[in-house]
Structure formats: structure tokens, C-alpha cells
């Protein structure tokens, strides 16, 4: 295999270490976990902000009352 092109007098390019597949999987898992934490924090902030200004909608499927009688 031929060596990569290098300009005369230039420092050699640094070598890139091989990536261990297990390390890559572990790093990807940490990134997903961090994204989930950030996503949850953003959703919580959005809901709490909507509640604070009175525009939070519970949704059509949510019923609230002192009591229900189902027959």
C-alpha cells in the first residue's frame, strides 16, 4: 500500500487509533442517555411554563371532578 501524500518539509500527519467497537457502542449509549435527559428537561420546562401562564391543556381524554358515578 502506498504512503499518503506529504509535502516536503511538512510534519507527518498524526495516526488515528483504531476504534474499539465496544467503546463506540458504550459512547453511543452515553450520547443517547444524555439526549434523553436533555429531552426530558426540555419537556418538563415547557409543561411547567404552560402551567405557570395558564395555557396548559389537559387534553380531551382527561376528566377531572370531585367524584364520578359510572353505571
N, C-alpha and C. Protein backbone atom coordinates (compact mmCIF):
# COMPACT_ATOMS: atom_id res chain seq x y z
N UNK A 1 0.84 -1.17 0.00
CA UNK A 1 0.00 0.00 0.00
C UNK A 1 0.89 1.23 0.00
N UNK A 2 0.55 2.24 -0.77
CA UNK A 2 1.34 3.46 -0.86
C UNK A 2 1.11 4.35 0.36
N UNK A 3 2.15 5.06 0.76
CA UNK A 3 2.04 6.02 1.87
C UNK A 3 1.24 7.23 1.39
N UNK A 4 0.51 7.91 2.29
CA UNK A 4 -0.25 9.09 1.88
C UNK A 4 0.69 10.20 1.45
N UNK A 5 0.19 11.09 0.58
CA UNK A 5 0.99 12.19 0.07
C UNK A 5 1.38 13.13 1.21
N UNK A 6 2.62 13.59 1.20
CA UNK A 6 3.09 14.51 2.23
C UNK A 6 3.95 15.57 1.57
N UNK A 7 3.72 16.84 1.90
CA UNK A 7 4.51 17.93 1.36
C UNK A 7 5.93 17.85 1.91
N UNK A 8 6.92 18.17 1.09
CA UNK A 8 8.30 18.14 1.57
C UNK A 8 8.47 19.12 2.74
N UNK A 9 9.10 18.69 3.80
CA UNK A 9 9.36 19.52 4.96
C UNK A 9 8.20 19.62 5.93
N UNK A 10 7.05 19.06 5.60
CA UNK A 10 5.88 19.13 6.49
C UNK A 10 5.95 18.01 7.53
N UNK A 11 5.38 18.28 8.68
CA UNK A 11 5.33 17.25 9.72
C UNK A 11 4.39 16.14 9.27
N UNK A 12 4.69 14.92 9.63
CA UNK A 12 3.80 13.82 9.24
C UNK A 12 2.43 13.96 9.93
N UNK A 13 1.41 13.50 9.24
CA UNK A 13 0.05 13.54 9.80
C UNK A 13 -0.02 12.59 10.99
N UNK A 14 -0.74 12.98 12.03
CA UNK A 14 -0.86 12.07 13.18
C UNK A 14 -1.66 10.83 12.80
N UNK A 15 -1.31 9.72 13.41
CA UNK A 15 -2.06 8.50 13.12
C UNK A 15 -3.34 8.50 13.95
N UNK A 16 -4.37 7.92 13.40
CA UNK A 16 -5.67 7.83 14.08
C UNK A 16 -5.77 6.43 14.65
N UNK A 17 -5.94 6.33 15.97
CA UNK A 17 -6.02 4.99 16.55
C UNK A 17 -7.29 4.27 16.10
N UNK A 18 -7.20 2.95 16.03
CA UNK A 18 -8.36 2.15 15.66
C UNK A 18 -9.44 2.30 16.72
N UNK A 19 -10.69 2.34 16.29
CA UNK A 19 -11.81 2.48 17.20
C UNK A 19 -12.28 1.11 17.65
N UNK A 20 -12.29 0.91 18.95
CA UNK A 20 -12.76 -0.34 19.52
C UNK A 20 -14.29 -0.36 19.41
N UNK A 21 -14.88 -1.36 18.77
CA UNK A 21 -16.34 -1.39 18.61
C UNK A 21 -17.09 -1.32 19.94
N UNK A 22 -16.57 -1.95 20.98
CA UNK A 22 -17.25 -1.91 22.28
C UNK A 22 -17.25 -0.49 22.83
N UNK A 23 -16.14 0.23 22.64
CA UNK A 23 -16.08 1.62 23.11
C UNK A 23 -17.06 2.49 22.34
N UNK A 24 -17.19 2.24 21.04
CA UNK A 24 -18.13 3.01 20.22
C UNK A 24 -19.56 2.78 20.68
N UNK A 25 -19.90 1.54 20.99
CA UNK A 25 -21.26 1.23 21.47
C UNK A 25 -21.50 1.90 22.81
N UNK A 26 -20.50 1.85 23.70
CA UNK A 26 -20.63 2.48 25.01
C UNK A 26 -20.80 3.99 24.87
N UNK A 27 -20.02 4.61 23.99
CA UNK A 27 -20.12 6.05 23.77
C UNK A 27 -21.47 6.41 23.19
N UNK A 28 -21.97 5.62 22.26
CA UNK A 28 -23.28 5.87 21.66
C UNK A 28 -24.37 5.77 22.72
N UNK A 29 -24.24 4.83 23.63
CA UNK A 29 -25.22 4.70 24.72
C UNK A 29 -25.20 5.91 25.63
N UNK A 30 -24.01 6.45 25.90
CA UNK A 30 -23.91 7.65 26.75
C UNK A 30 -24.53 8.84 26.05
N UNK A 31 -24.34 8.95 24.75
CA UNK A 31 -24.94 10.06 23.99
C UNK A 31 -26.46 9.95 24.01
N UNK A 32 -26.99 8.74 23.80
CA UNK A 32 -28.45 8.56 23.85
C UNK A 32 -29.00 8.89 25.23
N UNK A 33 -28.31 8.47 26.28
CA UNK A 33 -28.76 8.76 27.65
C UNK A 33 -28.75 10.26 27.91
N UNK A 34 -27.71 10.94 27.47
CA UNK A 34 -27.64 12.40 27.66
C UNK A 34 -28.75 13.09 26.89
N UNK A 35 -29.02 12.63 25.68
CA UNK A 35 -30.10 13.23 24.87
C UNK A 35 -31.45 13.02 25.54
N UNK A 36 -31.65 11.86 26.15
CA UNK A 36 -32.92 11.60 26.84
C UNK A 36 -33.09 12.52 28.04
N UNK A 37 -32.02 12.75 28.78
CA UNK A 37 -32.08 13.64 29.95
C UNK A 37 -32.40 15.07 29.50
N UNK A 38 -31.73 15.52 28.45
CA UNK A 38 -31.97 16.88 27.94
C UNK A 38 -33.39 16.99 27.41
N UNK A 39 -33.85 15.98 26.68
CA UNK A 39 -35.21 15.99 26.15
C UNK A 39 -36.25 16.04 27.26
N UNK A 40 -36.04 15.26 28.30
CA UNK A 40 -36.98 15.25 29.43
C UNK A 40 -36.98 16.61 30.13
N UNK A 41 -35.81 17.21 30.29
CA UNK A 41 -35.74 18.52 30.93
C UNK A 41 -36.44 19.58 30.10
N UNK A 42 -36.28 19.52 28.78
CA UNK A 42 -36.96 20.49 27.91
C UNK A 42 -38.47 20.32 27.96
N UNK A 43 -38.94 19.08 27.95
CA UNK A 43 -40.38 18.82 28.03
C UNK A 43 -40.94 19.29 29.36
N UNK A 44 -40.23 19.00 30.45
CA UNK A 44 -40.66 19.44 31.77
C UNK A 44 -40.75 20.96 31.83
N UNK A 45 -39.74 21.65 31.30
CA UNK A 45 -39.74 23.11 31.31
C UNK A 45 -40.90 23.66 30.50
N UNK A 46 -41.20 23.04 29.37
CA UNK A 46 -42.30 23.50 28.53
C UNK A 46 -43.64 23.33 29.24
N UNK A 47 -43.86 22.19 29.86
CA UNK A 47 -45.12 21.94 30.56
C UNK A 47 -45.24 22.87 31.76
N UNK A 48 -44.18 23.01 32.55
CA UNK A 48 -44.23 23.88 33.72
C UNK A 48 -44.46 25.34 33.31
N UNK A 49 -43.87 25.76 32.20
CA UNK A 49 -44.10 27.11 31.71
C UNK A 49 -45.53 27.32 31.28
N UNK A 50 -46.12 26.34 30.61
CA UNK A 50 -47.52 26.44 30.19
C UNK A 50 -48.46 26.46 31.39
N UNK A 51 -48.16 25.67 32.42
CA UNK A 51 -48.98 25.68 33.63
C UNK A 51 -48.89 27.05 34.31
N UNK A 52 -47.69 27.62 34.36
CA UNK A 52 -47.47 28.90 35.03
C UNK A 52 -48.27 30.03 34.38
N UNK A 53 -48.41 30.01 33.07
CA UNK A 53 -49.14 31.09 32.39
C UNK A 53 -50.59 30.72 32.11
N UNK A 54 -51.00 29.53 32.53
CA UNK A 54 -52.41 29.14 32.44
C UNK A 54 -52.86 28.65 31.08
N UNK A 55 -51.95 28.18 30.24
CA UNK A 55 -52.36 27.69 28.92
C UNK A 55 -52.15 26.18 28.76
N UNK A 56 -51.89 25.50 29.85
CA UNK A 56 -51.68 24.06 29.78
C UNK A 56 -53.03 23.39 29.58
N UNK A 57 -53.15 22.59 28.54
CA UNK A 57 -54.39 21.89 28.23
C UNK A 57 -54.23 20.43 28.65
N UNK A 58 -55.12 19.96 29.50
CA UNK A 58 -55.02 18.58 29.96
C UNK A 58 -55.35 17.58 28.85
N UNK A 59 -56.11 18.00 27.87
CA UNK A 59 -56.45 17.11 26.76
C UNK A 59 -57.85 16.58 26.89
N UNK A 60 -58.39 16.13 25.79
CA UNK A 60 -59.78 15.65 25.77
C UNK A 60 -59.96 14.36 26.54
N UNK A 61 -58.93 13.57 26.64
CA UNK A 61 -59.08 12.27 27.30
C UNK A 61 -58.97 12.36 28.82
N UNK A 62 -58.69 13.54 29.36
CA UNK A 62 -58.51 13.70 30.80
C UNK A 62 -59.80 14.27 31.41
N UNK A 63 -60.32 13.58 32.39
CA UNK A 63 -61.51 14.04 33.10
C UNK A 63 -61.14 14.38 34.52
N UNK A 64 -61.66 15.51 35.01
CA UNK A 64 -61.41 15.89 36.40
C UNK A 64 -62.74 16.22 37.06
N UNK A 65 -62.89 15.73 38.26
CA UNK A 65 -64.10 16.00 39.04
C UNK A 65 -63.85 15.59 40.48
N UNK A 66 -64.74 16.03 41.34
CA UNK A 66 -64.66 15.60 42.75
C UNK A 66 -64.95 14.10 42.84
N UNK A 67 -65.91 13.64 42.03
CA UNK A 67 -66.24 12.20 42.01
C UNK A 67 -66.93 11.86 40.70
N UNK A 68 -66.95 10.56 40.39
CA UNK A 68 -67.64 10.06 39.20
C UNK A 68 -68.56 8.93 39.62
N UNK A 69 -69.71 8.88 38.98
CA UNK A 69 -70.60 7.73 39.16
C UNK A 69 -70.74 7.09 37.80
N UNK A 70 -70.34 5.82 37.71
CA UNK A 70 -70.42 5.08 36.46
C UNK A 70 -71.45 3.97 36.66
N UNK A 71 -72.43 3.93 35.78
CA UNK A 71 -73.46 2.89 35.94
C UNK A 71 -73.50 1.98 34.74
